[in-house]
Structures are given as structure tokens and as C-alpha cells.
Amino acid sequence: GSRYYDESVKGRFTISKDNAKKTVYLQMNN
């Protein structure tokens, strides 16, 4: 799970995943 962020959201958004749950998350702050 290497990650990429657009500059407009870098530092505010975080992408993560749970392979067992087959779910990807996008935590959006600020």
C-alpha cells in the first residue's frame, strides 16, 4: 500500500486500507 496524495489535500487527507475487510478509507481533516 504505497500512497499518493494530490497537493490540494496533502497533509489533510489520509488514505488507508484494511485488506481483511476489503475496505479502503479516506480520512479527511481540516
PDB file of all heavy atoms in Angstrom:
ATOM      1  N   GLY A   1       0.772  -1.225   0.000  1.00  0.00           N
ATOM      2  CA  GLY A   1       0.000   0.000   0.000  1.00  0.00           C
ATOM      3  C   GLY A   1       0.806   1.279   0.000  1.00  0.00           C
ATOM      4  O   GLY A   1       0.713   2.072   0.954  1.00  0.00           O
ATOM      5  N   SER A   2       1.583   1.515  -1.033  1.00  0.00           N
ATOM      6  CA  SER A   2       2.179   2.829  -1.199  1.00  0.00           C
ATOM      7  C   SER A   2       1.070   3.827  -1.500  1.00  0.00           C
ATOM      8  O   SER A   2       0.015   3.464  -2.026  1.00  0.00           O
ATOM      9  CB  SER A   2       3.233   2.820  -2.303  1.00  0.00           C
ATOM     10  OG  SER A   2       2.669   2.431  -3.541  1.00  0.00           O
ATOM     11  N   ARG A   3       1.310   5.100  -1.198  1.00  0.00           N
ATOM     12  CA  ARG A   3       0.250   6.101  -1.229  1.00  0.00           C
ATOM     13  C   ARG A   3       0.640   7.316  -2.040  1.00  0.00           C
ATOM     14  O   ARG A   3       1.814   7.678  -2.146  1.00  0.00           O
ATOM     15  CB  ARG A   3      -0.095   6.529   0.198  1.00  0.00           C
ATOM     16  CG  ARG A   3      -0.692   5.420   1.043  1.00  0.00           C
ATOM     17  CD  ARG A   3      -0.565   5.733   2.518  1.00  0.00           C
ATOM     18  NE  ARG A   3      -1.304   4.799   3.358  1.00  0.00           N
ATOM     19  CZ  ARG A   3      -0.858   3.607   3.725  1.00  0.00           C
ATOM     20  NH1 ARG A   3       0.330   3.164   3.312  1.00  0.00           N
ATOM     21  NH2 ARG A   3      -1.599   2.834   4.511  1.00  0.00           N
ATOM     22  N   TYR A   4      -0.370   7.939  -2.601  1.00  0.00           N
ATOM     23  CA  TYR A   4      -0.210   9.182  -3.322  1.00  0.00           C
ATOM     24  C   TYR A   4      -1.320  10.144  -2.901  1.00  0.00           C
ATOM     25  O   TYR A   4      -2.466   9.729  -2.687  1.00  0.00           O
ATOM     26  CB  TYR A   4      -0.279   8.966  -4.843  1.00  0.00           C
ATOM     27  CG  TYR A   4      -0.461  10.257  -5.610  1.00  0.00           C
ATOM     28  CD1 TYR A   4       0.629  11.061  -5.922  1.00  0.00           C
ATOM     29  CD2 TYR A   4      -1.731  10.685  -5.993  1.00  0.00           C
ATOM     30  CE1 TYR A   4       0.459  12.250  -6.594  1.00  0.00           C
ATOM     31  CE2 TYR A   4      -1.904  11.873  -6.669  1.00  0.00           C
ATOM     32  CZ  TYR A   4      -0.803  12.658  -6.968  1.00  0.00           C
ATOM     33  OH  TYR A   4      -0.974  13.840  -7.634  1.00  0.00           O
ATOM     34  N   TYR A   5      -0.969  11.434  -2.806  1.00  0.00           N
ATOM     35  CA  TYR A   5      -1.946  12.469  -2.491  1.00  0.00           C
ATOM     36  C   TYR A   5      -1.788  13.636  -3.453  1.00  0.00           C
ATOM     37  O   TYR A   5      -0.667  14.068  -3.745  1.00  0.00           O
ATOM     38  CB  TYR A   5      -1.769  12.992  -1.063  1.00  0.00           C
ATOM     39  CG  TYR A   5      -1.944  11.948   0.003  1.00  0.00           C
ATOM     40  CD1 TYR A   5      -0.846  11.267   0.527  1.00  0.00           C
ATOM     41  CD2 TYR A   5      -3.207  11.644   0.494  1.00  0.00           C
ATOM     42  CE1 TYR A   5      -1.009  10.309   1.504  1.00  0.00           C
ATOM     43  CE2 TYR A   5      -3.374  10.688   1.478  1.00  0.00           C
ATOM     44  CZ  TYR A   5      -2.276  10.025   1.977  1.00  0.00           C
ATOM     45  OH  TYR A   5      -2.443   9.075   2.963  1.00  0.00           O
ATOM     46  N   ASP A   6      -2.910  14.141  -3.913  1.00  0.00           N
ATOM     47  CA  ASP A   6      -2.868  15.382  -4.655  1.00  0.00           C
ATOM     48  C   ASP A   6      -2.409  16.507  -3.734  1.00  0.00           C
ATOM     49  O   ASP A   6      -2.678  16.487  -2.520  1.00  0.00           O
ATOM     50  CB  ASP A   6      -4.252  15.704  -5.229  1.00  0.00           C
ATOM     51  CG  ASP A   6      -4.241  16.931  -6.105  1.00  0.00           C
ATOM     52  OD1 ASP A   6      -3.810  16.824  -7.269  1.00  0.00           O
ATOM     53  OD2 ASP A   6      -4.668  18.005  -5.628  1.00  0.00           O
ATOM     54  N   GLU A   7      -1.715  17.484  -4.299  1.00  0.00           N
ATOM     55  CA  GLU A   7      -1.184  18.567  -3.482  1.00  0.00           C
ATOM     56  C   GLU A   7      -2.271  19.321  -2.728  1.00  0.00           C
ATOM     57  O   GLU A   7      -2.013  19.853  -1.647  1.00  0.00           O
ATOM     58  CB  GLU A   7      -0.377  19.531  -4.342  1.00  0.00           C
ATOM     59  CG  GLU A   7       0.952  18.973  -4.835  1.00  0.00           C
ATOM     60  CD  GLU A   7       1.916  18.704  -3.698  1.00  0.00           C
ATOM     61  OE1 GLU A   7       1.898  19.456  -2.696  1.00  0.00           O
ATOM     62  OE2 GLU A   7       2.702  17.747  -3.802  1.00  0.00           O
ATOM     63  N   SER A   8      -3.466  19.359  -3.277  1.00  0.00           N
ATOM     64  CA  SER A   8      -4.542  20.106  -2.645  1.00  0.00           C
ATOM     65  C   SER A   8      -5.005  19.495  -1.329  1.00  0.00           C
ATOM     66  O   SER A   8      -5.636  20.181  -0.522  1.00  0.00           O
ATOM     67  CB  SER A   8      -5.729  20.231  -3.600  1.00  0.00           C
ATOM     68  OG  SER A   8      -6.296  18.963  -3.877  1.00  0.00           O
ATOM     69  N   VAL A   9      -4.709  18.214  -1.106  1.00  0.00           N
ATOM     70  CA  VAL A   9      -5.164  17.540   0.106  1.00  0.00           C
ATOM     71  C   VAL A   9      -4.019  17.012   0.952  1.00  0.00           C
ATOM     72  O   VAL A   9      -4.256  16.507   2.060  1.00  0.00           O
ATOM     73  CB  VAL A   9      -6.133  16.388  -0.215  1.00  0.00           C
ATOM     74  CG1 VAL A   9      -7.295  16.889  -1.058  1.00  0.00           C
ATOM     75  CG2 VAL A   9      -5.413  15.251  -0.929  1.00  0.00           C
ATOM     76  N   LYS A  10      -2.813  17.122   0.477  1.00  0.00           N
ATOM     77  CA  LYS A  10      -1.663  16.588   1.201  1.00  0.00           C
ATOM     78  C   LYS A  10      -1.552  17.253   2.574  1.00  0.00           C
ATOM     79  O   LYS A  10      -1.629  18.470   2.701  1.00  0.00           O
ATOM     80  CB  LYS A  10      -0.391  16.797   0.394  1.00  0.00           C
ATOM     81  CG  LYS A  10       0.830  16.085   0.956  1.00  0.00           C
ATOM     82  CD  LYS A  10       2.035  16.242   0.031  1.00  0.00           C
ATOM     83  CE  LYS A  10       1.791  15.579  -1.310  1.00  0.00           C
ATOM     84  NZ  LYS A  10       2.981  15.666  -2.203  1.00  0.00           N
ATOM     85  N   GLY A  11      -1.371  16.428   3.585  1.00  0.00           N
ATOM     86  CA  GLY A  11      -1.297  16.917   4.944  1.00  0.00           C
ATOM     87  C   GLY A  11      -2.632  16.998   5.643  1.00  0.00           C
ATOM     88  O   GLY A  11      -2.671  17.150   6.874  1.00  0.00           O
ATOM     89  N   ARG A  12      -3.728  16.918   4.896  1.00  0.00           N
ATOM     90  CA  ARG A  12      -5.067  16.963   5.478  1.00  0.00           C
ATOM     91  C   ARG A  12      -5.807  15.638   5.354  1.00  0.00           C
ATOM     92  O   ARG A  12      -6.573  15.272   6.242  1.00  0.00           O
ATOM     93  CB  ARG A  12      -5.903  18.062   4.817  1.00  0.00           C
ATOM     94  CG  ARG A  12      -5.314  19.451   4.968  1.00  0.00           C
ATOM     95  CD  ARG A  12      -6.279  20.521   4.461  1.00  0.00           C
ATOM     96  NE  ARG A  12      -6.554  20.381   3.032  1.00  0.00           N
ATOM     97  CZ  ARG A  12      -7.768  20.163   2.523  1.00  0.00           C
ATOM     98  NH1 ARG A  12      -8.822  20.068   3.322  1.00  0.00           N
ATOM     99  NH2 ARG A  12      -7.927  20.067   1.210  1.00  0.00           N
ATOM    100  N   PHE A  13      -5.610  14.942   4.252  1.00  0.00           N
ATOM    101  CA  PHE A  13      -6.293  13.677   3.998  1.00  0.00           C
ATOM    102  C   PHE A  13      -5.315  12.523   4.178  1.00  0.00           C
ATOM    103  O   PHE A  13      -4.119  12.646   3.886  1.00  0.00           O
ATOM    104  CB  PHE A  13      -6.848  13.622   2.576  1.00  0.00           C
ATOM    105  CG  PHE A  13      -7.993  14.557   2.288  1.00  0.00           C
ATOM    106  CD1 PHE A  13      -8.372  15.549   3.183  1.00  0.00           C
ATOM    107  CD2 PHE A  13      -8.696  14.433   1.101  1.00  0.00           C
ATOM    108  CE1 PHE A  13      -9.420  16.408   2.917  1.00  0.00           C
ATOM    109  CE2 PHE A  13      -9.749  15.280   0.816  1.00  0.00           C
ATOM    110  CZ  PHE A  13     -10.117  16.268   1.715  1.00  0.00           C
ATOM    111  N   THR A  14      -5.835  11.389   4.625  1.00  0.00           N
ATOM    112  CA  THR A  14      -5.040  10.187   4.785  1.00  0.00           C
ATOM    113  C   THR A  14      -5.798   9.004   4.209  1.00  0.00           C
ATOM    114  O   THR A  14      -6.948   8.761   4.583  1.00  0.00           O
ATOM    115  CB  THR A  14      -4.707   9.912   6.259  1.00  0.00           C
ATOM    116  OG1 THR A  14      -4.015  11.030   6.820  1.00  0.00           O
ATOM    117  CG2 THR A  14      -3.833   8.672   6.382  1.00  0.00           C
ATOM    118  N   ILE A  15      -5.160   8.272   3.319  1.00  0.00           N
ATOM    119  CA  ILE A  15      -5.762   7.069   2.760  1.00  0.00           C
ATOM    120  C   ILE A  15      -5.173   5.856   3.463  1.00  0.00           C
ATOM    121  O   ILE A  15      -3.980   5.815   3.774  1.00  0.00           O
ATOM    122  CB  ILE A  15      -5.559   6.997   1.229  1.00  0.00           C
ATOM    123  CG1 ILE A  15      -6.415   5.886   0.613  1.00  0.00           C
ATOM    124  CG2 ILE A  15      -4.085   6.808   0.866  1.00  0.00           C
ATOM    125  CD1 ILE A  15      -6.462   5.941  -0.915  1.00  0.00           C
ATOM    126  N   SER A  16      -6.012   4.885   3.733  1.00  0.00           N
ATOM    127  CA  SER A  16      -5.582   3.662   4.384  1.00  0.00           C
ATOM    128  C   SER A  16      -6.483   2.523   3.934  1.00  0.00           C
ATOM    129  O   SER A  16      -7.491   2.750   3.260  1.00  0.00           O
ATOM    130  CB  SER A  16      -5.613   3.803   5.912  1.00  0.00           C
ATOM    131  OG  SER A  16      -6.929   4.042   6.372  1.00  0.00           O
ATOM    132  N   LYS A  17      -6.124   1.307   4.309  1.00  0.00           N
ATOM    133  CA  LYS A  17      -6.955   0.178   3.930  1.00  0.00           C
ATOM    134  C   LYS A  17      -6.846  -0.946   4.934  1.00  0.00           C
ATOM    135  O   LYS A  17      -5.872  -1.056   5.682  1.00  0.00           O
ATOM    136  CB  LYS A  17      -6.600  -0.328   2.525  1.00  0.00           C
ATOM    137  CG  LYS A  17      -5.201  -0.910   2.385  1.00  0.00           C
ATOM    138  CD  LYS A  17      -4.991  -1.457   0.973  1.00  0.00           C
ATOM    139  CE  LYS A  17      -3.607  -2.047   0.790  1.00  0.00           C
ATOM    140  NZ  LYS A  17      -3.452  -2.644  -0.563  1.00  0.00           N
ATOM    141  N   ASP A  18      -7.866  -1.768   4.939  1.00  0.00           N
ATOM    142  CA  ASP A  18      -7.916  -2.984   5.723  1.00  0.00           C
ATOM    143  C   ASP A  18      -8.133  -4.114   4.731  1.00  0.00           C
ATOM    144  O   ASP A  18      -9.241  -4.303   4.226  1.00  0.00           O
ATOM    145  CB  ASP A  18      -9.040  -2.921   6.752  1.00  0.00           C
ATOM    146  CG  ASP A  18      -9.050  -4.110   7.699  1.00  0.00           C
ATOM    147  OD1 ASP A  18      -8.694  -5.223   7.276  1.00  0.00           O
ATOM    148  OD2 ASP A  18      -9.427  -3.921   8.870  1.00  0.00           O
ATOM    149  N   ASN A  19      -7.086  -4.841   4.431  1.00  0.00           N
ATOM    150  CA  ASN A  19      -7.178  -5.880   3.411  1.00  0.00           C
ATOM    151  C   ASN A  19      -8.179  -6.968   3.793  1.00  0.00           C
ATOM    152  O   ASN A  19      -8.900  -7.485   2.933  1.00  0.00           O
ATOM    153  CB  ASN A  19      -5.807  -6.505   3.156  1.00  0.00           C
ATOM    154  CG  ASN A  19      -4.868  -5.587   2.408  1.00  0.00           C
ATOM    155  OD1 ASN A  19      -5.247  -4.489   1.984  1.00  0.00           O
ATOM    156  ND2 ASN A  19      -3.626  -6.023   2.239  1.00  0.00           N
ATOM    157  N   ALA A  20      -8.224  -7.323   5.071  1.00  0.00           N
ATOM    158  CA  ALA A  20      -9.139  -8.360   5.511  1.00  0.00           C
ATOM    159  C   ALA A  20     -10.588  -7.942   5.332  1.00  0.00           C
ATOM    160  O   ALA A  20     -11.441  -8.758   4.976  1.00  0.00           O
ATOM    161  CB  ALA A  20      -8.866  -8.727   6.964  1.00  0.00           C
ATOM    162  N   LYS A  21     -10.880  -6.671   5.583  1.00  0.00           N
ATOM    163  CA  LYS A  21     -12.235  -6.158   5.414  1.00  0.00           C
ATOM    164  C   LYS A  21     -12.520  -5.707   3.992  1.00  0.00           C
ATOM    165  O   LYS A  21     -13.650  -5.308   3.692  1.00  0.00           O
ATOM    166  CB  LYS A  21     -12.487  -4.994   6.368  1.00  0.00           C
ATOM    167  CG  LYS A  21     -12.468  -5.382   7.836  1.00  0.00           C
ATOM    168  CD  LYS A  21     -12.770  -4.180   8.719  1.00  0.00           C
ATOM    169  CE  LYS A  21     -12.795  -4.559  10.182  1.00  0.00           C
ATOM    170  NZ  LYS A  21     -13.063  -3.390  11.057  1.00  0.00           N
ATOM    171  N   LYS A  22     -11.511  -5.741   3.143  1.00  0.00           N
ATOM    172  CA  LYS A  22     -11.645  -5.317   1.753  1.00  0.00           C
ATOM    173  C   LYS A  22     -12.192  -3.894   1.661  1.00  0.00           C
ATOM    174  O   LYS A  22     -13.013  -3.582   0.793  1.00  0.00           O
ATOM    175  CB  LYS A  22     -12.540  -6.284   0.970  1.00  0.00           C
ATOM    176  CG  LYS A  22     -12.008  -7.707   0.908  1.00  0.00           C
ATOM    177  CD  LYS A  22     -12.935  -8.596   0.090  1.00  0.00           C
ATOM    178  CE  LYS A  22     -12.433 -10.034   0.043  1.00  0.00           C
ATOM    179  NZ  LYS A  22     -11.156 -10.153  -0.695  1.00  0.00           N
ATOM    180  N   THR A  23     -11.710  -3.042   2.540  1.00  0.00           N
ATOM    181  CA  THR A  23     -12.212  -1.680   2.636  1.00  0.00           C
ATOM    182  C   THR A  23     -11.062  -0.687   2.632  1.00  0.00           C
ATOM    183  O   THR A  23     -10.040  -0.910   3.286  1.00  0.00           O
ATOM    184  CB  THR A  23     -13.047  -1.498   3.909  1.00  0.00           C
ATOM    185  OG1 THR A  23     -14.156  -2.402   3.884  1.00  0.00           O
ATOM    186  CG2 THR A  23     -13.573  -0.077   4.016  1.00  0.00           C
ATOM    187  N   VAL A  24     -11.250   0.393   1.897  1.00  0.00           N
ATOM    188  CA  VAL A  24     -10.298   1.492   1.837  1.00  0.00           C
ATOM    189  C   VAL A  24     -10.950   2.723   2.444  1.00  0.00           C
ATOM    190  O   VAL A  24     -12.135   2.987   2.205  1.00  0.00           O
ATOM    191  CB  VAL A  24      -9.843   1.759   0.394  1.00  0.00           C
ATOM    192  CG1 VAL A  24      -8.909   2.964   0.334  1.00  0.00           C
ATOM    193  CG2 VAL A  24      -9.149   0.535  -0.178  1.00  0.00           C
ATOM    194  N   TYR A  25     -10.173   3.479   3.200  1.00  0.00           N
ATOM    195  CA  TYR A  25     -10.685   4.641   3.906  1.00  0.00           C
ATOM    196  C   TYR A  25      -9.998   5.906   3.421  1.00  0.00           C
ATOM    197  O   TYR A  25      -8.842   5.889   3.002  1.00  0.00           O
ATOM    198  CB  TYR A  25     -10.458   4.508   5.409  1.00  0.00           C
ATOM    199  CG  TYR A  25     -11.011   3.237   5.996  1.00  0.00           C
ATOM    200  CD1 TYR A  25     -10.194   2.127   6.180  1.00  0.00           C
ATOM    201  CD2 TYR A  25     -12.349   3.146   6.353  1.00  0.00           C
ATOM    202  CE1 TYR A  25     -10.693   0.951   6.710  1.00  0.00           C
ATOM    203  CE2 TYR A  25     -12.861   1.975   6.887  1.00  0.00           C
ATOM    204  CZ  TYR A  25     -12.030   0.887   7.065  1.00  0.00           C
ATOM    205  OH  TYR A  25     -12.531  -0.277   7.596  1.00  0.00           O
ATOM    206  N   LEU A  26     -10.720   7.002   3.500  1.00  0.00           N
ATOM    207  CA  LEU A  26     -10.149   8.313   3.262  1.00  0.00           C
ATOM    208  C   LEU A  26     -10.529   9.198   4.436  1.00  0.00           C
ATOM    209  O   LEU A  26     -11.678   9.641   4.540  1.00  0.00           O
ATOM    210  CB  LEU A  26     -10.641   8.919   1.946  1.00  0.00           C
ATOM    211  CG  LEU A  26      -9.990  10.245   1.560  1.00  0.00           C
ATOM    212  CD1 LEU A  26      -8.514  10.045   1.218  1.00  0.00           C
ATOM    213  CD2 LEU A  26     -10.719  10.897   0.387  1.00  0.00           C
ATOM    214  N   GLN A  27      -9.572   9.418   5.324  1.00  0.00           N
ATOM    215  CA  GLN A  27      -9.781  10.305   6.456  1.00  0.00           C
ATOM    216  C   GLN A  27      -9.530  11.731   5.997  1.00  0.00           C
ATOM    217  O   GLN A  27      -8.435  12.051   5.536  1.00  0.00           O
ATOM    218  CB  GLN A  27      -8.841   9.946   7.605  1.00  0.00           C
ATOM    219  CG  GLN A  27      -8.955  10.853   8.821  1.00  0.00           C
ATOM    220  CD  GLN A  27     -10.275  10.702   9.536  1.00  0.00           C
ATOM    221  OE1 GLN A  27     -10.723   9.585   9.776  1.00  0.00           O
ATOM    222  NE2 GLN A  27     -10.906  11.824   9.872  1.00  0.00           N
ATOM    223  N   MET A  28     -10.524  12.577   6.117  1.00  0.00           N
ATOM    224  CA  MET A  28     -10.449  13.948   5.659  1.00  0.00           C
ATOM    225  C   MET A  28     -10.530  14.872   6.868  1.00  0.00           C
ATOM    226  O   MET A  28     -11.559  14.936   7.541  1.00  0.00           O
ATOM    227  CB  MET A  28     -11.573  14.259   4.671  1.00  0.00           C
ATOM    228  CG  MET A  28     -11.636  13.306   3.493  1.00  0.00           C
ATOM    229  SD  MET A  28     -12.866  13.796   2.258  1.00  0.00           S
ATOM    230  CE  MET A  28     -14.362  13.637   3.244  1.00  0.00           C
ATOM    231  N   ASN A  29      -9.449  15.572   7.134  1.00  0.00           N
ATOM    232  CA  ASN A  29      -9.381  16.512   8.244  1.00  0.00           C
ATOM    233  C   ASN A  29      -9.243  17.935   7.725  1.00  0.00           C
ATOM    234  O   ASN A  29      -8.802  18.158   6.596  1.00  0.00           O
ATOM    235  CB  ASN A  29      -8.193  16.182   9.153  1.00  0.00           C
ATOM    236  CG  ASN A  29      -8.316  14.844   9.832  1.00  0.00           C
ATOM    237  OD1 ASN A  29      -9.413  14.381  10.126  1.00  0.00           O
ATOM    238  ND2 ASN A  29      -7.169  14.216  10.103  1.00  0.00           N
ATOM    239  N   ASN A  30      -9.604  18.879   8.570  1.00  0.00           N
ATOM    240  CA  ASN A  30      -9.498  20.296   8.225  1.00  0.00           C
ATOM    241  C   ASN A  30     -10.129  20.582   6.868  1.00  0.00           C
ATOM    242  O   ASN A  30      -9.506  21.167   5.977  1.00  0.00           O
ATOM    243  CB  ASN A  30      -8.036  20.733   8.249  1.00  0.00           C
ATOM    244  CG  ASN A  30      -7.870  22.237   8.161  1.00  0.00           C
ATOM    245  OD1 ASN A  30      -8.777  22.994   8.509  1.00  0.00           O
ATOM    246  ND2 ASN A  30      -6.719  22.682   7.679  1.00  0.00           N
TER     247      ASN A  30
END
